[in-house]
Protein backbone atom coordinates (compact mmCIF):
# COMPACT_ATOMS: atom_id res chain seq x y z
CA MET A 1 -12.70 48.91 -15.11
CA LYS A 2 -9.02 48.25 -15.69
CA ARG A 3 -7.34 50.54 -18.22
CA THR A 4 -6.07 48.63 -21.24
CA ILE A 5 -4.60 49.61 -24.61
CA GLU A 6 -4.94 47.00 -27.33
CA VAL A 7 -2.90 47.18 -30.55
CA ILE A 8 -4.24 45.05 -33.42
CA VAL A 9 -2.10 44.40 -36.50
CA GLU A 10 -4.05 42.77 -39.33
CA PRO A 11 -2.43 40.58 -42.03
CA ASN A 12 -2.91 43.38 -44.58
CA GLY A 13 -0.82 45.75 -42.42
CA HIS A 14 -3.75 47.78 -41.05
CA ILE A 15 -3.11 48.80 -37.44
CA ALA A 16 -5.85 49.58 -34.95
CA ILE A 17 -5.41 50.94 -31.43
CA GLU A 18 -8.23 50.55 -28.92
CA ALA A 19 -8.23 52.13 -25.47
CA MET A 20 -10.54 50.56 -22.90
CA GLY A 21 -11.35 51.81 -19.42
CA PHE A 22 -10.56 55.45 -20.16
CA ALA A 23 -13.02 58.36 -19.97
CA GLY A 24 -13.02 61.61 -21.86
CA ALA A 25 -9.87 62.68 -23.66
CA ASP A 26 -7.73 60.45 -21.41
CA CYS A 27 -7.82 57.75 -24.12
CA GLU A 28 -6.28 60.11 -26.67
CA LYS A 29 -3.57 61.11 -24.22
CA ALA A 30 -2.83 57.48 -23.37
CA THR A 31 -2.52 56.34 -26.99
CA ALA A 32 -0.77 59.40 -28.45
CA PHE A 33 2.70 57.85 -28.17
CA LEU A 34 1.54 54.74 -30.03
CA GLU A 35 -0.13 56.75 -32.78
CA GLN A 36 3.04 58.78 -33.22
CA ALA A 37 5.34 55.73 -33.23
CA LEU A 38 3.14 53.62 -35.51
CA GLY A 39 1.78 56.39 -37.70
CA VAL A 40 -1.83 55.51 -36.91
CA ALA A 41 -4.38 58.32 -37.11
CA ALA A 42 -6.40 57.82 -40.28
CA ASP A 43 -9.67 56.71 -38.68
CA ARG A 44 -10.60 57.69 -35.15
CA ARG A 45 -13.85 56.47 -33.57
CA LYS A 46 -15.00 57.80 -30.23
CA LYS A 47 -16.79 55.27 -28.05
CA PRO A 48 -19.52 56.26 -25.57
CA GLU A 49 -16.89 56.29 -22.80
CA TYR A 50 -15.22 59.23 -24.54
CA HIS A 51 -18.22 61.40 -23.78
CA LYS A 52 -18.11 60.59 -20.07
CA ARG A 53 -16.25 63.02 -17.92
CA ALA A 54 -12.91 61.85 -16.61
CA LEU A 55 -12.94 61.16 -12.89
CA THR A 56 -11.32 63.98 -11.01
CA ARG A 57 -10.87 64.18 -7.32
CA ALA A 58 -10.99 67.53 -5.64
CA ARG A 59 -10.73 68.41 -2.00
CA GLN A 60 -12.31 71.53 -0.66
CA GLN A 61 -11.82 72.92 2.80
CA VAL A 62 -14.38 75.25 4.28
CA GLY A 63 -13.47 77.62 7.06
CA GLY A 64 -10.05 77.95 8.51
C-alpha cells in the first residue's frame, strides 16, 4: 500500500491528520512535523495497522 498522509480541515477549524500505509510507530514519526506545525494532538486514534510490526529488512551472513 502506498504511504499517504491526509490533512482534513473542517469548517469549524478542527484539524485531523490521518496516516495510511504505515505500520507500527512509523505513522507517528511521519506525522510529527505536521502535529507540531498545526498544533494537533488532542485526540489520537491508533488503527489496526499501528499494531502491525514495521517491515524491517535484515541481512545475515553465516560463515566467513
